Amino acid sequence: MEALSRAYGDEALSAFELDFLGDGERRRLPLGASWQVPFEEVEPVRPFRWDRGTEGFAGWYYSVTVREHVGYESWLERDRLILLDRDPHVTAMASQPFWLHWHDGRKRRRHAPDYFVRLATGRARVVDIRAEDDMDERTRESFEATERACKAVGWEFEWAGRPDPMRMANIRWLARYRRGRSGQPGAVAERLLEVFSEPKGLWEGAGLVGDRIQVLPVLFHLMWSGKLQTDLSGGLMETGSLVWTEGRQRWAD
């Protein structure tokens, strides 16, 4: 309670306000009175636009983590959603969760972070996405203000830029097999984990299990989940890519 009292004494908790859609209605409250809202469950505070001539590229990504579609406004945001969806530490996420309002000493400002993420530990993370070469002073100020607000309530803040292009290309491929149905039947998955307990080529290992048409979707699903590993950054995956069961990487050296 003492720690909570000290937190509520932080002027940031009253200097910032959150404007969000909660319980079917629009609400605007001081940060100190709203930080415990489960923002991973709220609706986006602004619509995703597909109008011709608008910047970005909006769409909906089906997340297997939350079992529903999550919005994005650019390819970069879509890629970050894929990475969040694959992260075993992430249990929930929501796009455009709230407007953060503050006064910068000259005028009123507001900013809608890209994502609110709930972690398996119960902690929260706010994610803003922008490539380094696409940053301007106003955006930097918005991100800095968001980070201050997050620190005041014990949330993590992440500014995410462009991911490694090779790794991202491979993960986009694996994302095609992210749904649980690709991991069936269980016997094939078990056999794959056994076959790749010693590192071997992707094509070779799949062939040892059975008909590759049936085996490869299961293999890719296991790679998406991390139960099978490969070097995702060294080059595009191919038939000869070395694959090994999680925890056996040292054998691949």
Foldseek 3Di string as FASTA:
>chain_A
DVVLVVLVVPVQQQQKWWWAQDPNRTDIDGNNVPVPPPLLPGAAPDDADCDPPDPAHKDWDQAPLVRGTEIDGHVQLVLVSLVLSLDPFWRGKHAQSTWMWHQPPPGIDIDGFGMWTATPVRAIETEHEDAPVRDDPVNVVVLVSVCVSCVSVVHHYYYDYHDQVQLSVQSVVLSVLQDPVLQPDVVLLVQLQVLQQAKFFQQVSQVVSHDNVNNVSNVSNCCSNVQKDFPRNPHHRDRGTIIHGPPNVVNVD
